[in-house]
Structures are given as structure tokens and as C-alpha cells.
Amino acid sequence: MIRINTTLSAIAAALLLSGTAFAADLQPAAGEAPLALSQVTPGTSVVQRADVRKAAASQAPVAGNLPMAQPTVGTSTLTRAQVREATRDAIAHGYRVASGNLS
């Protein structure tokens, strides 16, 4: 008897809770009315290809985290051996080289 009551109460609860699922109207398929009627269709562009290329050539592309103009680095007159020796001397005199994840 308990098994029958449990089964009947589960069926009754399912029917009661699913009754609102059938109350709505039919929904339109994706991309169909009424939302498609309010969208504006794009027109043709009046910008010419030469104008776009001229504008692109006049502005540097935005790349990386810093979109502003970066300072140029001058060329060094030191050799690799001179730079390594200067670094070793600086470390010997207490300069801490910033390296690793916690620098």
C-alpha cells in the first residue's frame, strides 16, 4: 500500500508541477519574429579602401598591454663581455639583480 501511495503521489506531483509548462504560447524559432522585425539592416559603406589604408598607415597598431608609443632603445657600444663583467662587479658590490617571479 505504501508503494502504491508513493507512486501515485509522485505522479500527481509531476502532473501538478508540469501543468504550467503547457500554458505558454508557441515560441518562435531562433531568429524569427518578432525580434527580427526590430533589427536594422546594415547599409553599404561609403568609406573607400584607400581611405582606410591611409588611416591605418598614419596610426601605429595597438599591441600589448601598453597601447601608447614606447620609447626607442638606443644601440649600445658595449660588448657582451663588458656587460657581463659590469654585472659581476655590481653583484660583488651588493647590487641585487631583479630576476625571478618575486622581483
N, C-alpha and C. Protein backbone atom coordinates (compact mmCIF):
# COMPACT_ATOMS: atom_id res chain seq x y z
N MET A 1 0.83 -1.20 0.00
CA MET A 1 0.00 0.00 0.00
C MET A 1 0.86 1.25 0.00
N ILE A 2 1.94 1.23 0.77
CA ILE A 2 2.81 2.39 0.84
C ILE A 2 3.47 2.63 -0.52
N ARG A 3 3.84 1.55 -1.20
CA ARG A 3 4.47 1.68 -2.51
C ARG A 3 3.51 2.30 -3.51
N ILE A 4 2.25 1.94 -3.49
CA ILE A 4 1.25 2.49 -4.41
C ILE A 4 1.01 3.97 -4.09
N ASN A 5 0.89 4.31 -2.81
CA ASN A 5 0.69 5.71 -2.43
C ASN A 5 1.88 6.58 -2.83
N THR A 6 3.06 6.05 -2.66
CA THR A 6 4.26 6.80 -3.05
C THR A 6 4.29 7.04 -4.56
N THR A 7 3.98 6.01 -5.32
CA THR A 7 3.96 6.13 -6.78
C THR A 7 2.89 7.11 -7.23
N LEU A 8 1.69 7.00 -6.66
CA LEU A 8 0.60 7.91 -7.05
C LEU A 8 0.90 9.35 -6.65
N SER A 9 1.52 9.57 -5.50
CA SER A 9 1.83 10.93 -5.08
C SER A 9 2.93 11.52 -5.96
N ALA A 10 3.89 10.72 -6.42
CA ALA A 10 4.93 11.21 -7.31
C ALA A 10 4.34 11.57 -8.67
N ILE A 11 3.42 10.78 -9.16
CA ILE A 11 2.76 11.08 -10.44
C ILE A 11 1.91 12.33 -10.32
N ALA A 12 1.17 12.46 -9.22
CA ALA A 12 0.34 13.65 -9.02
C ALA A 12 1.19 14.91 -8.91
N ALA A 13 2.31 14.84 -8.21
CA ALA A 13 3.20 15.99 -8.09
C ALA A 13 3.80 16.36 -9.44
N ALA A 14 4.16 15.37 -10.23
CA ALA A 14 4.72 15.64 -11.56
C ALA A 14 3.70 16.31 -12.46
N LEU A 15 2.46 15.84 -12.42
CA LEU A 15 1.40 16.44 -13.23
C LEU A 15 1.07 17.85 -12.75
N LEU A 16 1.07 18.06 -11.45
CA LEU A 16 0.76 19.37 -10.90
C LEU A 16 1.84 20.39 -11.27
N LEU A 17 3.11 19.99 -11.15
CA LEU A 17 4.21 20.90 -11.43
C LEU A 17 4.44 21.12 -12.92
N SER A 18 4.09 20.16 -13.75
CA SER A 18 4.30 20.31 -15.19
C SER A 18 3.11 20.94 -15.89
N GLY A 19 2.07 21.26 -15.18
CA GLY A 19 0.90 21.86 -15.81
C GLY A 19 1.18 23.25 -16.36
N THR A 20 2.09 24.00 -15.75
CA THR A 20 2.40 25.34 -16.25
C THR A 20 3.30 25.31 -17.47
N ALA A 21 3.94 24.19 -17.75
CA ALA A 21 4.81 24.11 -18.91
C ALA A 21 4.02 24.15 -20.20
N PHE A 22 2.77 23.75 -20.17
CA PHE A 22 1.97 23.72 -21.38
C PHE A 22 1.11 24.97 -21.52
N ALA A 23 1.19 25.91 -20.59
CA ALA A 23 0.32 27.08 -20.62
C ALA A 23 0.84 28.18 -21.54
N ALA A 24 2.11 28.18 -21.90
CA ALA A 24 2.69 29.23 -22.72
C ALA A 24 2.33 29.05 -24.19
N ASP A 25 2.36 30.17 -24.92
CA ASP A 25 2.14 30.10 -26.37
C ASP A 25 3.35 29.45 -27.03
N LEU A 26 3.19 29.15 -28.29
CA LEU A 26 4.32 28.61 -29.04
C LEU A 26 5.38 29.68 -29.20
N GLN A 27 6.62 29.32 -28.97
CA GLN A 27 7.72 30.27 -29.09
C GLN A 27 8.25 30.27 -30.53
N PRO A 28 8.65 31.44 -31.03
CA PRO A 28 9.20 31.46 -32.39
C PRO A 28 10.57 30.79 -32.44
N ALA A 29 10.91 30.29 -33.60
CA ALA A 29 12.22 29.69 -33.76
C ALA A 29 13.29 30.78 -33.68
N ALA A 30 14.51 30.39 -33.47
CA ALA A 30 15.59 31.36 -33.31
C ALA A 30 15.74 32.22 -34.56
N GLY A 31 15.77 33.54 -34.36
CA GLY A 31 15.96 34.46 -35.46
C GLY A 31 14.69 34.88 -36.16
N GLU A 32 13.55 34.39 -35.73
CA GLU A 32 12.31 34.76 -36.39
C GLU A 32 11.57 35.82 -35.58
N ALA A 33 10.42 36.23 -36.06
CA ALA A 33 9.61 37.31 -35.49
C ALA A 33 9.37 37.07 -34.01
N PRO A 34 9.14 38.06 -33.23
CA PRO A 34 9.05 39.49 -33.52
C PRO A 34 10.39 40.21 -33.41
N LEU A 35 11.44 39.54 -32.94
CA LEU A 35 12.71 40.23 -32.74
C LEU A 35 13.37 40.61 -34.05
N ALA A 36 13.18 39.84 -35.11
CA ALA A 36 13.83 40.12 -36.38
C ALA A 36 13.28 41.39 -37.03
N LEU A 37 12.07 41.78 -36.67
CA LEU A 37 11.48 42.96 -37.30
C LEU A 37 12.09 44.26 -36.78
N SER A 38 12.63 44.25 -35.56
CA SER A 38 13.15 45.47 -34.98
C SER A 38 14.62 45.71 -35.32
N GLN A 39 15.27 44.76 -35.98
CA GLN A 39 16.68 44.93 -36.30
C GLN A 39 16.84 45.74 -37.58
N VAL A 40 17.85 46.60 -37.56
CA VAL A 40 18.13 47.43 -38.73
C VAL A 40 19.15 46.71 -39.60
N THR A 41 18.90 46.66 -40.89
CA THR A 41 19.85 46.02 -41.78
C THR A 41 20.95 47.01 -42.13
N PRO A 42 22.20 46.57 -42.15
CA PRO A 42 23.30 47.49 -42.45
C PRO A 42 23.28 47.92 -43.91
N GLY A 43 23.62 49.18 -44.12
CA GLY A 43 23.68 49.69 -45.48
C GLY A 43 25.07 49.53 -46.05
N THR A 44 25.27 50.05 -47.22
CA THR A 44 26.59 49.97 -47.83
C THR A 44 27.50 51.04 -47.25
N SER A 45 28.78 50.77 -47.18
CA SER A 45 29.74 51.69 -46.61
C SER A 45 30.17 52.71 -47.66
N VAL A 46 30.39 53.95 -47.21
CA VAL A 46 30.83 54.99 -48.12
C VAL A 46 32.34 55.21 -48.02
N VAL A 47 33.01 54.47 -47.12
CA VAL A 47 34.44 54.61 -46.95
C VAL A 47 35.14 53.78 -48.03
N GLN A 48 36.12 54.39 -48.67
CA GLN A 48 36.86 53.70 -49.72
C GLN A 48 38.07 52.98 -49.13
N ARG A 49 38.57 52.00 -49.85
CA ARG A 49 39.70 51.21 -49.39
C ARG A 49 40.95 52.08 -49.22
N ALA A 50 41.17 53.03 -50.10
CA ALA A 50 42.35 53.90 -50.00
C ALA A 50 42.30 54.74 -48.73
N ASP A 51 41.11 55.20 -48.34
CA ASP A 51 40.97 55.98 -47.11
C ASP A 51 41.30 55.13 -45.88
N VAL A 52 40.87 53.89 -45.89
CA VAL A 52 41.13 53.00 -44.76
C VAL A 52 42.62 52.70 -44.65
N ARG A 53 43.27 52.46 -45.78
CA ARG A 53 44.71 52.19 -45.76
C ARG A 53 45.50 53.41 -45.29
N LYS A 54 45.08 54.61 -45.71
CA LYS A 54 45.77 55.83 -45.30
C LYS A 54 45.62 56.03 -43.79
N ALA A 55 44.44 55.79 -43.25
CA ALA A 55 44.23 55.94 -41.81
C ALA A 55 45.02 54.90 -41.03
N ALA A 56 45.10 53.68 -41.55
CA ALA A 56 45.85 52.63 -40.87
C ALA A 56 47.35 52.90 -40.90
N ALA A 57 47.84 53.48 -41.98
CA ALA A 57 49.27 53.77 -42.08
C ALA A 57 49.66 54.95 -41.19
N SER A 58 48.72 55.84 -40.91
CA SER A 58 49.06 57.01 -40.11
C SER A 58 49.06 56.72 -38.61
N GLN A 59 48.44 55.64 -38.18
CA GLN A 59 48.37 55.29 -36.76
C GLN A 59 49.09 53.97 -36.53
N ALA A 60 49.86 53.93 -35.44
CA ALA A 60 50.54 52.69 -35.08
C ALA A 60 49.51 51.71 -34.52
N PRO A 61 49.64 50.42 -34.82
CA PRO A 61 48.68 49.45 -34.28
C PRO A 61 48.81 49.32 -32.77
N VAL A 62 47.70 49.07 -32.12
CA VAL A 62 47.69 48.87 -30.68
C VAL A 62 48.07 47.42 -30.42
N ALA A 63 49.17 47.23 -29.72
CA ALA A 63 49.64 45.87 -29.45
C ALA A 63 50.16 45.81 -28.02
N GLY A 64 49.88 44.73 -27.35
CA GLY A 64 50.38 44.54 -25.99
C GLY A 64 49.53 45.25 -24.96
N ASN A 65 50.06 45.36 -23.76
CA ASN A 65 49.34 45.96 -22.65
C ASN A 65 49.42 47.47 -22.64
N LEU A 66 50.42 48.05 -23.30
CA LEU A 66 50.62 49.49 -23.30
C LEU A 66 50.39 50.04 -24.70
N PRO A 67 49.19 50.54 -24.98
CA PRO A 67 48.90 50.99 -26.35
C PRO A 67 49.53 52.33 -26.69
N MET A 68 50.26 52.96 -25.78
CA MET A 68 50.89 54.24 -26.09
C MET A 68 52.23 53.99 -26.78
N ALA A 69 52.81 55.04 -27.34
CA ALA A 69 54.07 54.91 -28.03
C ALA A 69 55.18 54.57 -27.04
N GLN A 70 55.94 53.56 -27.35
CA GLN A 70 57.02 53.12 -26.48
C GLN A 70 58.30 53.86 -26.84
N PRO A 71 59.14 54.18 -25.83
CA PRO A 71 60.40 54.84 -26.14
C PRO A 71 61.33 53.90 -26.89
N THR A 72 62.09 54.44 -27.79
CA THR A 72 63.03 53.61 -28.54
C THR A 72 64.27 53.38 -27.70
N VAL A 73 64.84 52.21 -27.84
CA VAL A 73 66.04 51.84 -27.10
C VAL A 73 67.23 52.08 -28.02
N GLY A 74 68.19 52.86 -27.54
CA GLY A 74 69.37 53.14 -28.35
C GLY A 74 70.29 51.95 -28.42
N THR A 75 71.13 51.92 -29.41
CA THR A 75 72.07 50.82 -29.54
C THR A 75 73.22 51.03 -28.57
N SER A 76 73.74 49.97 -28.03
CA SER A 76 74.81 50.02 -27.05
C SER A 76 76.15 49.85 -27.74
N THR A 77 77.16 50.51 -27.19
CA THR A 77 78.51 50.36 -27.73
C THR A 77 79.31 49.35 -26.94
N LEU A 78 78.72 48.78 -25.89
CA LEU A 78 79.42 47.80 -25.06
C LEU A 78 79.32 46.42 -25.68
N THR A 79 80.33 45.62 -25.44
CA THR A 79 80.29 44.23 -25.90
C THR A 79 79.62 43.37 -24.83
N ARG A 80 79.33 42.15 -25.19
CA ARG A 80 78.70 41.23 -24.25
C ARG A 80 79.60 40.97 -23.05
N ALA A 81 80.88 40.81 -23.31
CA ALA A 81 81.83 40.54 -22.23
C ALA A 81 81.91 41.72 -21.26
N GLN A 82 81.86 42.94 -21.78
CA GLN A 82 81.91 44.11 -20.91
C GLN A 82 80.65 44.21 -20.03
N VAL A 83 79.51 43.88 -20.59
CA VAL A 83 78.26 43.92 -19.83
C VAL A 83 78.28 42.86 -18.74
N ARG A 84 78.75 41.66 -19.05
CA ARG A 84 78.81 40.60 -18.04
C ARG A 84 79.77 40.96 -16.92
N GLU A 85 80.91 41.56 -17.26
CA GLU A 85 81.87 41.95 -16.23
C GLU A 85 81.30 43.06 -15.35
N ALA A 86 80.59 44.02 -15.96
CA ALA A 86 79.98 45.09 -15.17
C ALA A 86 78.91 44.53 -14.24
N THR A 87 78.18 43.53 -14.70
CA THR A 87 77.15 42.90 -13.86
C THR A 87 77.79 42.16 -12.70
N ARG A 88 78.86 41.42 -12.95
CA ARG A 88 79.56 40.71 -11.88
C ARG A 88 80.12 41.68 -10.84
N ASP A 89 80.67 42.80 -11.31
CA ASP A 89 81.20 43.80 -10.38
C ASP A 89 80.09 44.41 -9.52
N ALA A 90 78.93 44.65 -10.15
CA ALA A 90 77.80 45.24 -9.40
C ALA A 90 77.29 44.27 -8.35
N ILE A 91 77.23 42.97 -8.70
CA ILE A 91 76.77 41.96 -7.73
C ILE A 91 77.77 41.86 -6.59
N ALA A 92 79.05 41.95 -6.91
CA ALA A 92 80.08 41.87 -5.87
C ALA A 92 80.01 43.05 -4.92
N HIS A 93 79.51 44.20 -5.39
CA HIS A 93 79.40 45.39 -4.54
C HIS A 93 78.02 45.54 -3.90
N GLY A 94 77.19 44.49 -3.97
CA GLY A 94 75.92 44.49 -3.25
C GLY A 94 74.69 44.80 -4.08
N TYR A 95 74.83 44.98 -5.39
CA TYR A 95 73.66 45.22 -6.23
C TYR A 95 72.88 43.94 -6.41
N ARG A 96 71.58 44.00 -6.21
CA ARG A 96 70.73 42.81 -6.34
C ARG A 96 70.08 42.83 -7.71
N VAL A 97 70.34 41.80 -8.51
CA VAL A 97 69.77 41.70 -9.85
C VAL A 97 68.32 41.27 -9.72
N ALA A 98 67.41 42.01 -10.33
CA ALA A 98 65.98 41.68 -10.27
C ALA A 98 65.71 40.54 -11.25
N SER A 99 65.45 39.34 -10.72
CA SER A 99 65.15 38.20 -11.57
C SER A 99 64.22 37.26 -10.81
N GLY A 100 63.50 36.48 -11.54
CA GLY A 100 62.58 35.53 -10.92
C GLY A 100 61.18 36.11 -10.78
N ASN A 101 60.29 35.34 -10.19
CA ASN A 101 58.88 35.73 -10.07
C ASN A 101 58.63 36.78 -9.01
N LEU A 102 59.47 36.86 -7.99
CA LEU A 102 59.25 37.77 -6.87
C LEU A 102 60.06 39.04 -6.96
N SER A 103 60.63 39.35 -8.12
CA SER A 103 61.46 40.55 -8.23
C SER A 103 60.63 41.78 -8.43
